[in-house]
Each structure stands twice: as structure tokens, then as C-alpha cells.
Amino acid sequence: MSCGDEEVTEVAGRTDAERPPTVQETVLRQLRRSILGGDLAPGSQILQQEIAARLGVSRVPVRDALRTLEGQGLVTYSSHRGYHVRQVDITELLEIQDIRDILEGEALCTAVDRVEDTTFDRMQEHLDAMTRAEDEQDWTTWSDAHREFHFTLFAASGMRRLMRILDRLWDASDIYRSYYMRTGSARSRTSREHHDLLAAARSRDTGQLLTLLAEHHRGTVHTIRGSLTDETR
């Protein structure tokens, strides 16, 4: 993978809304936590009435949350079968990772030339948050910190449309990422890989950064493929 030339504009930073979460947002967070944490396994049915009763809410925020999760690729919906947690599909994962290799490579090539040193400090903060979440086996918090780690660097590219596309691709990857992180052998490797990615970013070594990113993606696919093979034996 090599870097192409592209004119970009600066992207606005992200801000968190300073307000209490709505009921729908709370339900969304709880469902996402259950899916990413493995309490709701891939392929399992999600019964709206049961979720509503457990969380002490009406079915409306549950339905709205499930629609959001469907858009994020974490659940699927059929008029005859209702909502189910998305199945892990290695063919789909390979397609997603191939596209991400290309698009994330473009973002990184541009970002390395534009990134400020303070960005690396923020990446370190997100990496520390990932470590704490991993120690607590809180995979929802880990997933959020992991996304912020990568997107903090991507954002330095200033490529707004590309950022939106990557956001959707990462939504589609979440179910695979959580499956991967619940595999014990993957955890020490992914921690080391992210430290290596940050070191390459700090040194502004684009070639090394792209190589590490591709290896990171291949490692994810290899681990998930192996886990799926073991489960079918």
C-alpha cells in the first residue's frame, strides 16, 4: 500500500453533548454492551418485550434502539423472524477488511503529514482506556476507546467524507471485533500491536504504519477464522 496525493480540508473535532442520556440512548447502550460482551451471542434472537421488561421501559425505546443497532450492523431484522444478533461471517469480514485497508491507508498517508504532536497524547489516553477496559473485561468501553484511538489519527487527515465512510465500516466491524477480543490469545497481541502503531505514528513513519495496520487486520481475520473452525468441529 502506498500514499496517493489528495487535497483535503480540515475536519471539525468531535464533542460530547453535555446532557443526560435519553431512555432510548440508555437502552441502546445496554443492548450494545450485551452484544459486544457476548451475553447476546451471534445468531441469538432478541425479544423486545423481554428486553423492555428487564430494563423497566416500554417497547418503543427498545424498538428504536434495535433499529439503530440494525443500521450499525450489529443486529439483523426479518418480518418473519424478528431481530437477531448478527452472525459472524468470515466472507463478509474479509470484504470489510479489504476495503478498510485501502481507505484507512489513504487517511493515514494524509494524516501523518498533518498531525500535531498533541494528537499522540490523546491517542495514548485512549490506549490507556483500552487497557483499563480490557482488565475489567468491559468490551463496550474497550470498543469505544479503540475506535477513538484510531479515529483520532484518521481525523488529522481532514477527509470528512472518508471519515463518514470509515465510521460505517467500523460499525459493521464491531461484531467481529468483540468476537475477536473475547478470544484470550488475541488480547496480548492486540495490546502490543496498538503500542507499535502509536510508536510508528509518533515517528511519522508512514511505511511502518501501513505495514502494521495491514498486519493488525490480517491477525484479526486469522484469529476469527481459527475460532470459527474450532466451533464447527
Protein backbone atom coordinates (compact mmCIF):
# COMPACT_ATOMS: atom_id res chain seq x y z
CA MET A 1 0.00 0.00 0.00
CA SER A 2 1.35 3.44 -0.89
CA CYS A 3 0.20 7.00 -0.35
CA GLY A 4 -1.63 8.97 -3.03
CA ASP A 5 -1.93 12.75 -3.31
CA GLU A 6 -5.24 14.29 -2.35
CA GLU A 7 -6.33 17.80 -1.45
CA VAL A 8 -8.15 17.88 1.85
CA THR A 9 -9.91 20.26 4.16
CA GLU A 10 -9.68 20.28 7.92
CA VAL A 11 -12.27 18.23 9.77
CA ALA A 12 -14.07 19.52 12.80
CA GLY A 13 -13.30 17.78 16.10
CA ARG A 14 -15.79 15.66 17.96
CA THR A 15 -17.59 16.95 21.02
CA ASP A 16 -19.74 15.11 23.53
CA ALA A 17 -23.16 16.53 24.32
CA GLU A 18 -23.34 17.69 27.91
CA ARG A 19 -26.77 16.32 28.78
CA PRO A 20 -28.17 13.23 30.45
CA PRO A 21 -28.84 10.29 28.10
CA THR A 22 -32.36 9.70 26.83
CA VAL A 23 -34.18 6.45 27.58
CA GLN A 24 -33.52 5.30 24.03
CA GLU A 25 -29.80 6.05 24.39
CA THR A 26 -29.67 4.15 27.67
CA VAL A 27 -31.39 1.13 26.11
CA LEU A 28 -29.07 1.34 23.11
CA ARG A 29 -26.04 1.36 25.38
CA GLN A 30 -27.31 -1.65 27.35
CA LEU A 31 -28.11 -3.69 24.25
CA ARG A 32 -24.79 -2.81 22.64
CA ARG A 33 -22.99 -3.82 25.83
CA SER A 34 -24.83 -7.18 25.87
CA ILE A 35 -23.94 -7.86 22.24
CA LEU A 36 -20.31 -6.78 22.38
CA GLY A 37 -19.82 -8.52 25.72
CA GLY A 38 -21.17 -11.81 24.37
CA ASP A 39 -24.22 -12.01 26.64
CA LEU A 40 -26.27 -11.93 23.44
CA ALA A 41 -24.40 -14.36 21.20
CA PRO A 42 -24.23 -14.13 17.39
CA GLY A 43 -27.44 -15.53 15.92
CA SER A 44 -29.48 -15.26 19.12
CA GLN A 45 -32.98 -13.80 18.96
CA ILE A 46 -33.72 -10.51 20.69
CA LEU A 47 -37.22 -10.40 22.18
CA GLN A 48 -38.37 -6.79 22.53
CA GLN A 49 -40.89 -7.45 25.28
CA GLU A 50 -38.34 -9.35 27.33
CA ILE A 51 -35.74 -6.58 26.96
CA ALA A 52 -38.30 -3.90 27.83
CA ALA A 53 -39.36 -5.76 30.99
CA ARG A 54 -35.77 -6.34 32.08
CA LEU A 55 -34.85 -2.67 31.64
CA GLY A 56 -38.14 -1.34 33.00
CA VAL A 57 -39.08 0.62 29.87
CA SER A 58 -41.73 0.46 27.18
CA ARG A 59 -41.15 -1.33 23.88
CA VAL A 60 -40.78 1.98 22.00
CA PRO A 61 -37.19 2.82 23.07
CA VAL A 62 -36.24 -0.84 22.65
CA ARG A 63 -37.57 -0.84 19.09
CA ASP A 64 -35.79 2.44 18.32
CA ALA A 65 -32.53 1.14 19.78
CA LEU A 66 -32.77 -2.05 17.72
CA ARG A 67 -33.28 -0.02 14.56
CA THR A 68 -30.12 1.91 15.37
CA LEU A 69 -28.22 -1.32 16.00
CA GLU A 70 -29.51 -2.68 12.70
CA GLY A 71 -28.09 0.38 10.95
CA GLN A 72 -24.78 -0.21 12.73
CA GLY A 73 -24.67 -3.82 11.55
CA LEU A 74 -24.92 -5.41 14.99
CA VAL A 75 -28.38 -6.93 14.51
CA THR A 76 -30.48 -8.11 11.58
CA TYR A 77 -34.24 -7.91 11.12
CA SER A 78 -36.75 -10.11 9.31
CA SER A 79 -40.51 -9.54 9.30
CA HIS A 80 -40.99 -13.26 9.99
CA ARG A 81 -38.16 -13.86 12.46
CA GLY A 82 -37.77 -10.51 14.21
CA TYR A 83 -34.42 -9.21 15.45
CA HIS A 84 -31.33 -11.39 15.82
CA VAL A 85 -27.73 -10.64 16.71
CA ARG A 86 -25.72 -10.61 13.51
CA GLN A 87 -23.96 -13.86 12.66
CA VAL A 88 -20.18 -13.87 12.23
CA ASP A 89 -19.46 -14.34 8.51
CA ILE A 90 -15.80 -14.72 7.52
CA THR A 91 -16.51 -13.79 3.88
CA GLU A 92 -18.11 -10.52 4.95
CA LEU A 93 -15.22 -9.81 7.33
CA LEU A 94 -12.67 -10.30 4.55
CA GLU A 95 -14.55 -7.84 2.34
CA ILE A 96 -14.78 -5.25 5.12
CA GLN A 97 -11.10 -5.58 5.98
CA ASP A 98 -10.01 -5.27 2.33
CA ILE A 99 -11.97 -2.03 1.98
CA ARG A 100 -10.66 -0.73 5.30
CA ASP A 101 -7.07 -1.48 4.28
CA ILE A 102 -7.44 0.83 1.29
CA LEU A 103 -9.41 3.65 2.90
CA GLU A 104 -7.58 3.71 6.23
CA GLY A 105 -4.30 3.70 4.33
CA GLU A 106 -5.36 6.84 2.47
CA ALA A 107 -6.41 8.51 5.72
CA LEU A 108 -3.11 7.66 7.41
CA CYS A 109 -0.98 8.79 4.47
CA THR A 110 -2.56 12.23 4.65
CA ALA A 111 -2.77 12.37 8.44
CA VAL A 112 0.93 11.68 9.06
CA ASP A 113 1.90 14.88 7.21
CA ARG A 114 -0.65 17.00 9.07
CA VAL A 115 -0.91 15.55 12.56
CA GLU A 116 0.14 17.64 15.58
CA ASP A 117 2.12 16.18 18.47
CA THR A 118 -0.81 16.69 20.86
CA THR A 119 -2.74 14.12 18.83
CA PHE A 120 -0.36 11.40 20.00
CA ASP A 121 -1.06 12.33 23.62
CA ARG A 122 -4.79 11.85 23.02
CA MET A 123 -4.11 8.52 21.34
CA GLN A 124 -2.13 7.45 24.42
CA GLU A 125 -5.09 8.39 26.63
CA HIS A 126 -7.39 6.21 24.53
CA LEU A 127 -4.83 3.39 24.62
CA ASP A 128 -4.72 3.63 28.42
CA ALA A 129 -8.54 3.49 28.48
CA MET A 130 -8.41 0.35 26.34
CA THR A 131 -6.04 -1.27 28.83
CA ARG A 132 -8.28 -0.46 31.78
CA ALA A 133 -11.37 -1.73 29.97
CA GLU A 134 -9.58 -4.94 28.98
CA ASP A 135 -8.56 -5.55 32.60
CA GLU A 136 -12.23 -5.18 33.57
CA GLN A 137 -13.39 -7.17 30.51
CA ASP A 138 -15.68 -4.27 29.62
CA TRP A 139 -15.77 -4.77 25.86
CA THR A 140 -18.20 -1.94 25.14
CA THR A 141 -15.89 0.62 26.76
CA TRP A 142 -12.91 -1.08 25.11
CA SER A 143 -14.59 -0.85 21.71
CA ASP A 144 -15.36 2.85 22.18
CA ALA A 145 -11.80 3.66 23.29
CA HIS A 146 -10.37 1.54 20.48
CA ARG A 147 -12.36 3.44 17.88
CA GLU A 148 -11.28 6.78 19.36
CA PHE A 149 -7.64 5.64 19.31
CA HIS A 150 -7.73 5.06 15.56
CA PHE A 151 -10.12 7.85 14.61
CA THR A 152 -8.08 10.45 16.49
CA LEU A 153 -5.33 9.85 13.96
CA PHE A 154 -7.67 9.44 10.97
CA ALA A 155 -9.26 12.82 11.79
CA ALA A 156 -5.93 14.56 11.25
CA SER A 157 -6.33 13.78 7.53
CA GLY A 158 -9.18 16.30 7.30
CA MET A 159 -11.01 13.97 4.90
CA ARG A 160 -14.59 14.38 6.08
CA ARG A 161 -16.33 12.12 3.57
CA LEU A 162 -13.77 9.39 4.14
CA MET A 163 -14.29 9.66 7.90
CA ARG A 164 -18.03 9.12 7.46
CA ILE A 165 -17.43 6.05 5.29
CA LEU A 166 -14.95 4.65 7.79
CA ASP A 167 -17.43 5.23 10.60
CA ARG A 168 -19.94 2.98 8.83
CA LEU A 169 -17.32 0.34 8.10
CA TRP A 170 -16.28 0.30 11.74
CA ASP A 171 -19.92 -0.09 12.75
CA ALA A 172 -20.05 -3.17 10.53
CA SER A 173 -16.80 -4.44 12.11
CA ASP A 174 -17.92 -4.15 15.74
CA ILE A 175 -19.48 -7.61 15.95
CA TYR A 176 -16.24 -9.16 14.65
CA ARG A 177 -14.04 -7.02 16.86
CA SER A 178 -15.90 -8.04 20.01
CA TYR A 179 -15.75 -11.70 18.96
CA TYR A 180 -12.01 -11.32 18.42
CA MET A 181 -11.35 -9.65 21.78
CA ARG A 182 -13.22 -12.34 23.69
CA THR A 183 -10.63 -14.79 22.34
CA GLY A 184 -8.00 -14.89 25.08
CA SER A 185 -5.00 -15.40 22.78
CA ALA A 186 -5.82 -12.20 20.89
CA ARG A 187 -5.63 -9.81 23.83
CA SER A 188 -1.89 -9.66 24.46
CA ARG A 189 -1.21 -9.41 20.73
CA THR A 190 -3.67 -6.60 20.09
CA SER A 191 -2.25 -4.58 23.01
CA ARG A 192 1.25 -4.89 21.59
CA GLU A 193 0.03 -4.03 18.10
CA HIS A 194 -1.61 -0.80 19.24
CA HIS A 195 1.51 0.29 21.12
CA ASP A 196 3.50 -0.37 17.94
CA LEU A 197 1.00 1.62 15.86
CA LEU A 198 1.30 4.59 18.21
CA ALA A 199 5.12 4.42 18.13
CA ALA A 200 5.08 4.42 14.31
CA ALA A 201 2.66 7.35 14.29
CA ARG A 202 4.86 9.34 16.70
CA SER A 203 7.87 8.77 14.45
CA ARG A 204 5.73 9.68 11.41
CA ASP A 205 6.93 6.53 9.68
CA THR A 206 4.18 6.10 7.10
CA GLY A 207 5.56 2.89 5.62
CA GLN A 208 5.80 1.19 9.00
CA LEU A 209 2.37 2.47 9.99
CA LEU A 210 0.75 0.98 6.88
CA THR A 211 2.58 -2.32 7.34
CA LEU A 212 1.50 -2.57 10.98
CA LEU A 213 -2.10 -1.73 10.08
CA ALA A 214 -2.24 -4.46 7.42
CA GLU A 215 -0.71 -6.99 9.84
CA HIS A 216 -3.21 -5.95 12.51
CA HIS A 217 -6.11 -6.61 10.13
CA ARG A 218 -4.69 -9.95 8.98
CA GLY A 219 -4.22 -11.06 12.58
CA THR A 220 -7.87 -10.32 13.33
CA VAL A 221 -9.06 -12.37 10.36
CA HIS A 222 -6.73 -15.26 11.20
CA THR A 223 -7.90 -15.43 14.83
CA ILE A 224 -11.60 -15.27 13.97
CA ARG A 225 -11.22 -17.86 11.20
CA GLY A 226 -9.48 -20.20 13.65
CA SER A 227 -12.17 -19.71 16.30
CA LEU A 228 -14.96 -20.40 13.82
CA THR A 229 -13.18 -23.56 12.65
CA ASP A 230 -12.85 -24.77 16.26
CA GLU A 231 -16.55 -24.14 16.92
CA THR A 232 -17.65 -26.24 13.93
CA ARG A 233 -15.57 -29.28 14.91
